[in-house]
Amino acid sequence: MPNELTEVYVDTSVLVSLLAPDDVNHKIASDIFKKIYTLKSTVVSSVITEVELLRSLNRRGASNSHYKAANNVLRILELVDIIPEIRVAASKVAPTSTRSLDAIHIATALVSDVKVFITFDKRQEVSAQESFLISDPNYIFTE
């Protein structure tokens, strides 16, 4: 139940949208983070999120203010190291066409026992659903 939502896994795609006002998903990413803040939920992600987020900013030619904002966002995340249990779980994520970094994100959520997995990546969303994670971004808005 959303009122009992203590942890939410957030994929890098959501963070990129949050930091890019021109992104098609910017508003929903902002709304998601407002709701997470209201619920006082812990935001969980993999340590690879830091690399993915900063590389995305590099590709976009981001300004210094974007990097500062990214570092502020990264500070509020509970970043999970890629421990052996996560590596093993990632190798088993279905379908087999799941990209490796996506599999690491999904495995991190599973091993961390986080049930809600928010992503804007449709392929990753399918893999998350096949792993029995709740991957609908609107889930946190339901009552």
C-alpha atoms as a PDB file:
ATOM      1  CA  MET A   1       0.000   0.000   0.000  1.00  0.00           C
ATOM      2  CA  PRO A   2       1.340   3.453  -0.818  1.00  0.00           C
ATOM      3  CA  ASN A   3       0.727   4.749   2.697  1.00  0.00           C
ATOM      4  CA  GLU A   4       3.113   2.050   3.931  1.00  0.00           C
ATOM      5  CA  LEU A   5       5.630   2.581   1.142  1.00  0.00           C
ATOM      6  CA  THR A   6       8.973   2.768   2.912  1.00  0.00           C
ATOM      7  CA  GLU A   7      11.344   2.165   0.001  1.00  0.00           C
ATOM      8  CA  VAL A   8      11.215   2.931  -3.710  1.00  0.00           C
ATOM      9  CA  TYR A   9      13.815   1.877  -6.261  1.00  0.00           C
ATOM     10  CA  VAL A  10      14.456   4.603  -8.813  1.00  0.00           C
ATOM     11  CA  ASP A  11      16.247   3.903 -12.073  1.00  0.00           C
ATOM     12  CA  THR A  12      18.581   6.421 -13.670  1.00  0.00           C
ATOM     13  CA  SER A  13      16.009   7.244 -16.364  1.00  0.00           C
ATOM     14  CA  VAL A  14      13.804   8.844 -13.714  1.00  0.00           C
ATOM     15  CA  LEU A  15      16.685  10.919 -12.353  1.00  0.00           C
ATOM     16  CA  VAL A  16      17.658  12.138 -15.821  1.00  0.00           C
ATOM     17  CA  SER A  17      14.057  13.216 -16.392  1.00  0.00           C
ATOM     18  CA  LEU A  18      13.974  14.927 -13.013  1.00  0.00           C
ATOM     19  CA  LEU A  19      17.042  17.000 -13.858  1.00  0.00           C
ATOM     20  CA  ALA A  20      16.048  17.870 -17.441  1.00  0.00           C
ATOM     21  CA  PRO A  21      13.142  20.340 -17.579  1.00  0.00           C
ATOM     22  CA  ASP A  22      12.799  19.745 -21.333  1.00  0.00           C
ATOM     23  CA  ASP A  23      12.449  15.973 -20.892  1.00  0.00           C
ATOM     24  CA  VAL A  24       9.047  14.512 -21.793  1.00  0.00           C
ATOM     25  CA  ASN A  25       8.861  12.814 -18.347  1.00  0.00           C
ATOM     26  CA  HIS A  26      10.121  15.773 -16.286  1.00  0.00           C
ATOM     27  CA  LYS A  27       6.766  16.590 -14.687  1.00  0.00           C
ATOM     28  CA  ILE A  28       5.999  13.018 -13.668  1.00  0.00           C
ATOM     29  CA  ALA A  29       9.553  12.608 -12.321  1.00  0.00           C
ATOM     30  CA  SER A  30       9.088  15.773 -10.245  1.00  0.00           C
ATOM     31  CA  ASP A  31       5.700  14.548  -9.024  1.00  0.00           C
ATOM     32  CA  ILE A  32       7.172  11.160  -8.134  1.00  0.00           C
ATOM     33  CA  PHE A  33       9.897  12.736  -6.021  1.00  0.00           C
ATOM     34  CA  LYS A  34       7.401  15.057  -4.318  1.00  0.00           C
ATOM     35  CA  LYS A  35       5.255  12.042  -3.442  1.00  0.00           C
ATOM     36  CA  ILE A  36       8.264  10.043  -2.234  1.00  0.00           C
ATOM     37  CA  TYR A  37       9.219  13.010  -0.030  1.00  0.00           C
ATOM     38  CA  THR A  38       5.659  13.283   1.311  1.00  0.00           C
ATOM     39  CA  LEU A  39       5.613   9.563   2.129  1.00  0.00           C
ATOM     40  CA  LYS A  40       9.086   9.853   3.690  1.00  0.00           C
ATOM     41  CA  SER A  41      10.162   6.864   1.611  1.00  0.00           C
ATOM     42  CA  THR A  42      13.783   5.857   1.190  1.00  0.00           C
ATOM     43  CA  VAL A  43      14.962   6.165  -2.403  1.00  0.00           C
ATOM     44  CA  VAL A  44      17.143   3.219  -3.360  1.00  0.00           C
ATOM     45  CA  SER A  45      19.315   2.771  -6.433  1.00  0.00           C
ATOM     46  CA  SER A  46      22.470   1.011  -7.547  1.00  0.00           C
ATOM     47  CA  VAL A  47      25.908   2.611  -7.387  1.00  0.00           C
ATOM     48  CA  ILE A  48      25.928   2.447 -11.188  1.00  0.00           C
ATOM     49  CA  THR A  49      23.297   5.186 -11.121  1.00  0.00           C
ATOM     50  CA  GLU A  50      25.963   7.749 -10.314  1.00  0.00           C
ATOM     51  CA  VAL A  51      27.979   6.816 -13.403  1.00  0.00           C
ATOM     52  CA  GLU A  52      24.922   6.593 -15.657  1.00  0.00           C
ATOM     53  CA  LEU A  53      23.539   9.926 -14.466  1.00  0.00           C
ATOM     54  CA  LEU A  54      26.789  11.849 -14.827  1.00  0.00           C
ATOM     55  CA  ARG A  55      27.489  10.321 -18.256  1.00  0.00           C
ATOM     56  CA  SER A  56      23.992  11.324 -19.361  1.00  0.00           C
ATOM     57  CA  LEU A  57      24.689  14.884 -18.254  1.00  0.00           C
ATOM     58  CA  ASN A  58      27.977  14.784 -20.177  1.00  0.00           C
ATOM     59  CA  ARG A  59      26.157  13.694 -23.359  1.00  0.00           C
ATOM     60  CA  ARG A  60      23.661  16.530 -22.936  1.00  0.00           C
ATOM     61  CA  GLY A  61      26.386  19.144 -22.454  1.00  0.00           C
ATOM     62  CA  ALA A  62      24.971  20.008 -19.039  1.00  0.00           C
ATOM     63  CA  SER A  63      25.835  23.167 -17.146  1.00  0.00           C
ATOM     64  CA  ASN A  64      27.562  23.324 -13.764  1.00  0.00           C
ATOM     65  CA  SER A  65      24.178  23.894 -12.134  1.00  0.00           C
ATOM     66  CA  HIS A  66      22.950  20.580 -13.568  1.00  0.00           C
ATOM     67  CA  TYR A  67      25.953  18.784 -12.068  1.00  0.00           C
ATOM     68  CA  LYS A  68      25.299  20.427  -8.695  1.00  0.00           C
ATOM     69  CA  ALA A  69      21.660  19.371  -8.869  1.00  0.00           C
ATOM     70  CA  ALA A  70      22.700  15.835  -9.822  1.00  0.00           C
ATOM     71  CA  ASN A  71      25.067  15.637  -6.864  1.00  0.00           C
ATOM     72  CA  ASN A  72      22.302  16.870  -4.558  1.00  0.00           C
ATOM     73  CA  VAL A  73      19.962  14.170  -5.889  1.00  0.00           C
ATOM     74  CA  LEU A  74      22.647  11.497  -5.549  1.00  0.00           C
ATOM     75  CA  ARG A  75      23.135  12.465  -1.891  1.00  0.00           C
ATOM     76  CA  ILE A  76      19.529  11.613  -1.023  1.00  0.00           C
ATOM     77  CA  LEU A  77      19.715   8.157  -2.597  1.00  0.00           C
ATOM     78  CA  GLU A  78      20.586   5.021  -0.739  1.00  0.00           C
ATOM     79  CA  LEU A  79      23.132   3.695  -3.228  1.00  0.00           C
ATOM     80  CA  VAL A  80      23.634  -0.068  -3.031  1.00  0.00           C
ATOM     81  CA  ASP A  81      26.979  -1.641  -3.912  1.00  0.00           C
ATOM     82  CA  ILE A  82      27.045  -4.453  -6.453  1.00  0.00           C
ATOM     83  CA  ILE A  83      27.673  -7.327  -4.051  1.00  0.00           C
ATOM     84  CA  PRO A  84      28.082 -10.940  -5.222  1.00  0.00           C
ATOM     85  CA  GLU A  85      24.409 -11.737  -4.502  1.00  0.00           C
ATOM     86  CA  ILE A  86      23.358  -8.924  -6.843  1.00  0.00           C
ATOM     87  CA  ARG A  87      25.732 -10.103  -9.573  1.00  0.00           C
ATOM     88  CA  VAL A  88      24.307 -13.627  -9.387  1.00  0.00           C
ATOM     89  CA  ALA A  89      20.716 -12.342  -9.388  1.00  0.00           C
ATOM     90  CA  ALA A  90      21.461 -10.030 -12.331  1.00  0.00           C
ATOM     91  CA  SER A  91      22.679 -12.950 -14.418  1.00  0.00           C
ATOM     92  CA  LYS A  92      19.260 -14.607 -13.950  1.00  0.00           C
ATOM     93  CA  VAL A  93      16.970 -11.647 -14.750  1.00  0.00           C
ATOM     94  CA  ALA A  94      14.434 -12.462 -17.458  1.00  0.00           C
ATOM     95  CA  PRO A  95      14.038 -12.116 -20.318  1.00  0.00           C
ATOM     96  CA  THR A  96      17.508 -12.999 -21.527  1.00  0.00           C
ATOM     97  CA  SER A  97      17.416  -9.945 -23.802  1.00  0.00           C
ATOM     98  CA  THR A  98      17.538  -7.650 -20.743  1.00  0.00           C
ATOM     99  CA  ARG A  99      20.522  -5.330 -21.001  1.00  0.00           C
ATOM    100  CA  SER A 100      23.229  -5.949 -18.399  1.00  0.00           C
ATOM    101  CA  LEU A 101      22.965  -2.608 -16.593  1.00  0.00           C
ATOM    102  CA  ASP A 102      19.173  -2.937 -16.487  1.00  0.00           C
ATOM    103  CA  ALA A 103      19.575  -6.413 -15.008  1.00  0.00           C
ATOM    104  CA  ILE A 104      21.889  -5.001 -12.324  1.00  0.00           C
ATOM    105  CA  HIS A 105      19.277  -2.374 -11.410  1.00  0.00           C
ATOM    106  CA  ILE A 106      16.526  -5.003 -11.191  1.00  0.00           C
ATOM    107  CA  ALA A 107      18.697  -7.401  -9.206  1.00  0.00           C
ATOM    108  CA  THR A 108      19.649  -4.609  -6.816  1.00  0.00           C
ATOM    109  CA  ALA A 109      15.976  -3.943  -6.106  1.00  0.00           C
ATOM    110  CA  LEU A 110      15.272  -7.648  -5.636  1.00  0.00           C
ATOM    111  CA  VAL A 111      18.215  -8.297  -3.324  1.00  0.00           C
ATOM    112  CA  SER A 112      17.429  -5.108  -1.388  1.00  0.00           C
ATOM    113  CA  ASP A 113      13.834  -6.353  -1.009  1.00  0.00           C
ATOM    114  CA  VAL A 114      12.375  -3.212  -2.587  1.00  0.00           C
ATOM    115  CA  LYS A 115       9.011  -3.963  -4.202  1.00  0.00           C
ATOM    116  CA  VAL A 116       8.390  -0.746  -6.149  1.00  0.00           C
ATOM    117  CA  PHE A 117      10.702  -0.152  -9.109  1.00  0.00           C
ATOM    118  CA  ILE A 118      10.256   3.104 -11.011  1.00  0.00           C
ATOM    119  CA  THR A 119      11.699   3.462 -14.490  1.00  0.00           C
ATOM    120  CA  PHE A 120      10.801   5.282 -17.670  1.00  0.00           C
ATOM    121  CA  ASP A 121      12.629   2.678 -19.771  1.00  0.00           C
ATOM    122  CA  LYS A 122       9.943   0.444 -21.314  1.00  0.00           C
ATOM    123  CA  ARG A 123      12.264  -2.543 -21.899  1.00  0.00           C
ATOM    124  CA  GLN A 124      13.491  -2.380 -18.328  1.00  0.00           C
ATOM    125  CA  GLU A 125       9.911  -2.077 -17.110  1.00  0.00           C
ATOM    126  CA  VAL A 126       9.028  -5.385 -18.797  1.00  0.00           C
ATOM    127  CA  SER A 127      11.982  -7.090 -17.104  1.00  0.00           C
ATOM    128  CA  ALA A 128      11.027  -5.592 -13.742  1.00  0.00           C
ATOM    129  CA  GLN A 129       7.475  -6.883 -14.133  1.00  0.00           C
ATOM    130  CA  GLU A 130       8.770 -10.345 -15.042  1.00  0.00           C
ATOM    131  CA  SER A 131      10.753 -10.197 -11.793  1.00  0.00           C
ATOM    132  CA  PHE A 132       7.518  -9.464  -9.896  1.00  0.00           C
ATOM    133  CA  LEU A 133       8.398  -5.863  -9.108  1.00  0.00           C
ATOM    134  CA  ILE A 134       5.722  -3.165  -9.188  1.00  0.00           C
ATOM    135  CA  SER A 135       6.960  -0.978 -12.011  1.00  0.00           C
ATOM    136  CA  ASP A 136       4.067   1.384 -12.661  1.00  0.00           C
ATOM    137  CA  PRO A 137       5.205   4.939 -11.800  1.00  0.00           C
ATOM    138  CA  ASN A 138       1.608   5.798 -10.927  1.00  0.00           C
ATOM    139  CA  TYR A 139       1.524   3.159  -8.176  1.00  0.00           C
ATOM    140  CA  ILE A 140       2.830   5.595  -5.593  1.00  0.00           C
ATOM    141  CA  PHE A 141      -0.076   7.946  -6.309  1.00  0.00           C
ATOM    142  CA  THR A 142      -2.790   5.353  -5.625  1.00  0.00           C
ATOM    143  CA  GLU A 143      -4.549   5.167  -2.297  1.00  0.00           C
END
